[in-house]
Amino acid sequence: MHKAMMELVGAFFLVLVIGLCVIAPGAGGMAPVAIGAMLMVMVYAGGPISGGHYNPAVTLAVWLRGKCSADDARAYVIAQLIGAALAAGVVGILKHGSLVVAMSPRPVPALLAETLFTFALAFVVLSVATAKKSAGNSYFGLAIGLTVTASAYAAGGISGGVFNPAVALGVTLMGLIAPGSLWIFLLANLAGGALAARVFRLVNPDEF
């Protein structure tokens, strides 16, 4: 229960910062920095408790890698989605009256961008937070947060830079993404997480 609660808290603050930074008046071009920073600190805060996933795609990758039980994975995903939905509600209160325009990205470029950068995020998580050779390092949170920052700058104009099904739910509830585009993120993000687990296994055979 305590691990799932940590996942809810982390996902809540990640999505809260996304909404407050993206919806005007927001952080403008600095939004990816703030979002990556919040993810970084929450990963450091929750890493020793739940692993600090805050992302169903990451949870899928860690489960496929064998470092998360099926029961924990189910509880984490439910908690992450609840945290994202709660954050969307709070953003609606704090940003009440702000103009929000829903994004409808082109499916093929968005699918490709979201798959690639979700892969990058999940692969980094597996490499710095679950690999034996990197055990005990102090940089895992920084690496994960900077991956999101760089990915958001790179793909934000193509797909919105989501890389997380819980975030996809949250920003859809905020009106930042058209509901008809939600499937793009769910499909691409989960595919990216699954692919990361597969590639991690291929390049780290000694981990299994």
Protein backbone atom coordinates (compact mmCIF):
# COMPACT_ATOMS: atom_id res chain seq x y z
CA MET A 1 0.00 0.00 0.00
CA HIS A 2 2.79 2.43 0.90
CA LYS A 3 4.54 1.80 -2.42
CA ALA A 4 1.38 2.48 -4.43
CA MET A 5 0.79 5.66 -2.40
CA MET A 6 4.27 6.86 -3.33
CA GLU A 7 3.46 6.23 -6.98
CA LEU A 8 0.24 8.24 -6.63
CA VAL A 9 2.08 11.15 -5.01
CA GLY A 10 4.85 11.17 -7.61
CA ALA A 11 2.48 10.97 -10.57
CA PHE A 12 0.30 13.68 -9.03
CA PHE A 13 3.11 16.20 -8.73
CA LEU A 14 4.56 15.33 -12.13
CA VAL A 15 1.22 15.95 -13.87
CA LEU A 16 0.50 18.99 -11.69
CA VAL A 17 3.74 20.65 -12.77
CA ILE A 18 3.06 19.75 -16.41
CA GLY A 19 -0.36 21.39 -16.32
CA LEU A 20 0.76 24.50 -14.45
CA CYS A 21 3.81 25.00 -16.67
CA VAL A 22 2.12 24.33 -20.02
CA ILE A 23 -1.23 26.11 -19.58
CA ALA A 24 -0.81 29.89 -19.89
CA PRO A 25 0.39 31.77 -18.02
CA GLY A 26 3.00 29.05 -17.70
CA ALA A 27 6.72 28.53 -17.97
CA GLY A 28 6.98 28.88 -21.74
CA GLY A 29 10.19 27.44 -23.14
CA MET A 30 11.40 26.50 -19.67
CA ALA A 31 8.53 24.07 -19.08
CA PRO A 32 10.59 20.94 -19.96
CA VAL A 33 13.23 21.99 -17.41
CA ALA A 34 10.65 22.33 -14.64
CA ILE A 35 8.98 19.05 -15.60
CA GLY A 36 12.27 17.16 -15.73
CA ALA A 37 13.31 18.68 -12.40
CA MET A 38 10.08 17.61 -10.70
CA LEU A 39 10.46 14.08 -12.06
CA MET A 40 14.06 14.01 -10.85
CA VAL A 41 13.26 15.02 -7.27
CA MET A 42 10.29 12.65 -7.09
CA VAL A 43 12.45 9.79 -8.37
CA TYR A 44 14.96 10.53 -5.63
CA ALA A 45 12.15 10.77 -3.06
CA GLY A 46 10.34 7.61 -4.12
CA GLY A 47 13.15 5.47 -5.46
CA PRO A 48 13.87 3.77 -2.13
CA ILE A 49 10.14 3.18 -1.56
CA SER A 50 8.53 2.15 -4.85
CA GLY A 51 11.28 2.55 -7.41
CA GLY A 52 9.91 5.93 -8.44
CA HIS A 53 8.18 4.95 -11.67
CA TYR A 54 5.23 7.39 -11.91
CA ASN A 55 4.64 6.05 -15.41
CA PRO A 56 2.79 2.90 -16.54
CA ALA A 57 5.24 2.46 -19.42
CA VAL A 58 8.16 2.42 -16.99
CA THR A 59 6.29 0.04 -14.70
CA LEU A 60 5.68 -2.25 -17.68
CA ALA A 61 9.38 -2.18 -18.56
CA VAL A 62 10.48 -2.88 -14.99
CA TRP A 63 7.94 -5.72 -14.69
CA LEU A 64 9.10 -7.28 -17.97
CA ARG A 65 12.68 -6.91 -16.75
CA GLY A 66 11.74 -8.91 -13.65
CA LYS A 67 12.23 -6.21 -11.02
CA CYS A 68 8.58 -5.61 -10.16
CA SER A 69 5.94 -8.16 -9.18
CA ALA A 70 2.70 -8.40 -11.12
CA ASP A 71 0.73 -7.36 -8.02
CA ASP A 72 2.89 -4.29 -7.51
CA ALA A 73 2.70 -3.43 -11.20
CA ARG A 74 -1.11 -3.47 -11.16
CA ALA A 75 -1.23 -1.37 -7.99
CA TYR A 76 1.32 1.09 -9.38
CA VAL A 77 -0.56 1.68 -12.63
CA ILE A 78 -3.86 2.24 -10.83
CA ALA A 79 -2.17 4.66 -8.42
CA GLN A 80 -0.40 6.51 -11.24
CA LEU A 81 -3.65 7.00 -13.15
CA ILE A 82 -5.48 8.20 -10.03
CA GLY A 83 -2.65 10.63 -9.24
CA ALA A 84 -2.76 12.00 -12.79
CA ALA A 85 -6.55 12.46 -12.70
CA LEU A 86 -6.38 14.21 -9.32
CA ALA A 87 -3.67 16.53 -10.61
CA ALA A 88 -5.79 17.39 -13.65
CA GLY A 89 -8.60 18.39 -11.30
CA VAL A 90 -6.31 20.63 -9.25
CA VAL A 91 -4.91 22.26 -12.40
CA GLY A 92 -8.48 22.96 -13.49
CA ILE A 93 -8.99 24.90 -10.26
CA LEU A 94 -5.66 26.74 -10.27
CA LYS A 95 -5.82 27.61 -13.97
CA HIS A 96 -9.56 28.27 -14.12
CA GLY A 97 -10.34 30.68 -16.95
CA SER A 98 -7.13 30.06 -18.88
CA LEU A 99 -7.40 29.40 -22.60
CA VAL A 100 -6.66 25.76 -23.35
CA VAL A 101 -6.35 24.49 -26.93
CA ALA A 102 -6.41 20.73 -27.45
CA MET A 103 -3.59 19.31 -29.55
CA SER A 104 -4.39 16.71 -32.22
CA PRO A 105 -0.98 15.48 -33.39
CA ARG A 106 -0.52 13.73 -36.70
CA PRO A 107 -0.73 10.03 -35.84
CA VAL A 108 2.31 8.61 -37.63
CA PRO A 109 4.91 11.18 -36.49
CA ALA A 110 3.42 11.22 -32.99
CA LEU A 111 3.43 7.43 -32.73
CA LEU A 112 7.06 7.30 -33.82
CA ALA A 113 8.23 10.13 -31.55
CA GLU A 114 6.35 8.84 -28.51
CA THR A 115 7.60 5.28 -29.01
CA LEU A 116 11.22 6.34 -29.46
CA PHE A 117 11.43 8.71 -26.53
CA THR A 118 9.41 6.49 -24.19
CA PHE A 119 11.88 3.77 -25.12
CA ALA A 120 14.72 6.13 -24.21
CA LEU A 121 13.15 6.99 -20.85
CA ALA A 122 12.37 3.39 -19.91
CA PHE A 123 15.78 2.18 -21.09
CA VAL A 124 17.53 4.79 -18.96
CA VAL A 125 15.42 3.81 -15.94
CA LEU A 126 16.31 0.14 -16.41
CA SER A 127 19.97 0.96 -16.90
CA VAL A 128 20.53 3.36 -14.00
CA ALA A 129 17.95 2.13 -11.47
CA THR A 130 17.77 -1.66 -11.93
CA ALA A 131 21.11 -2.83 -13.35
CA LYS A 132 23.57 -4.58 -11.05
CA LYS A 133 26.51 -2.71 -12.54
CA SER A 134 24.99 0.66 -11.60
CA ALA A 135 23.71 -0.36 -8.16
CA GLY A 136 24.15 2.25 -5.46
CA ASN A 137 24.80 5.13 -7.84
CA SER A 138 23.76 8.64 -6.85
CA TYR A 139 22.91 9.92 -10.32
CA PHE A 140 19.86 7.81 -11.19
CA GLY A 141 17.31 10.57 -10.56
CA LEU A 142 19.31 13.14 -12.50
CA ALA A 143 19.67 10.80 -15.48
CA ILE A 144 15.94 10.05 -15.56
CA GLY A 145 14.89 13.68 -15.17
CA LEU A 146 17.27 14.92 -17.86
CA THR A 147 16.04 12.23 -20.25
CA VAL A 148 12.53 13.66 -19.95
CA THR A 149 13.80 17.23 -20.33
CA ALA A 150 15.76 16.46 -23.49
CA SER A 151 12.96 14.33 -24.92
CA ALA A 152 10.35 17.02 -24.28
CA TYR A 153 12.44 19.62 -26.11
CA ALA A 154 13.05 17.20 -28.99
CA ALA A 155 9.52 15.87 -29.47
CA GLY A 156 7.28 18.46 -27.86
CA GLY A 157 6.43 20.09 -31.16
CA ILE A 158 5.64 16.73 -32.77
CA SER A 159 3.60 14.86 -30.18
CA GLY A 160 3.37 17.12 -27.17
CA GLY A 161 6.15 15.19 -25.42
CA VAL A 162 4.10 12.89 -23.21
CA PHE A 163 6.06 9.59 -22.90
CA ASN A 164 3.75 8.41 -20.12
CA PRO A 165 0.19 6.97 -20.28
CA ALA A 166 -0.68 8.54 -16.93
CA VAL A 167 0.45 11.94 -18.18
CA ALA A 168 -1.55 11.31 -21.36
CA LEU A 169 -4.66 10.78 -19.24
CA GLY A 170 -3.96 13.87 -17.17
CA VAL A 171 -3.36 16.25 -20.06
CA THR A 172 -6.39 14.86 -21.89
CA LEU A 173 -8.54 15.63 -18.84
CA MET A 174 -7.02 19.13 -18.80
CA GLY A 175 -8.02 19.62 -22.44
CA LEU A 176 -4.45 19.84 -23.73
CA ILE A 177 -4.84 16.77 -25.94
CA ALA A 178 -7.96 15.88 -27.89
CA PRO A 179 -9.63 12.73 -26.50
CA GLY A 180 -9.55 11.19 -29.97
CA SER A 181 -5.74 11.27 -29.86
CA LEU A 182 -5.37 9.49 -26.51
CA TRP A 183 -4.90 6.11 -28.19
CA ILE A 184 -1.71 7.35 -29.84
CA PHE A 185 -0.02 7.85 -26.48
CA LEU A 186 -1.33 4.69 -24.85
CA LEU A 187 -0.14 2.55 -27.75
CA ALA A 188 3.19 4.27 -28.36
CA ASN A 189 4.16 4.66 -24.70
CA LEU A 190 3.44 1.04 -23.78
CA ALA A 191 5.21 -0.15 -26.93
CA GLY A 192 8.23 1.97 -26.03
CA GLY A 193 8.33 0.54 -22.51
CA ALA A 194 8.07 -3.05 -23.75
CA LEU A 195 10.75 -2.47 -26.38
CA ALA A 196 13.09 -0.98 -23.78
CA ALA A 197 12.79 -4.10 -21.64
CA ARG A 198 13.61 -6.27 -24.65
CA VAL A 199 16.64 -4.24 -25.71
CA PHE A 200 17.89 -4.02 -22.13
CA ARG A 201 17.83 -7.81 -21.99
CA LEU A 202 19.77 -8.03 -25.26
CA VAL A 203 22.53 -5.63 -24.24
CA ASN A 204 22.75 -6.83 -20.62
CA PRO A 205 22.67 -10.64 -20.82
CA ASP A 206 24.66 -10.84 -17.59
CA GLU A 207 21.74 -9.28 -15.70
CA PHE A 208 19.56 -12.36 -16.22
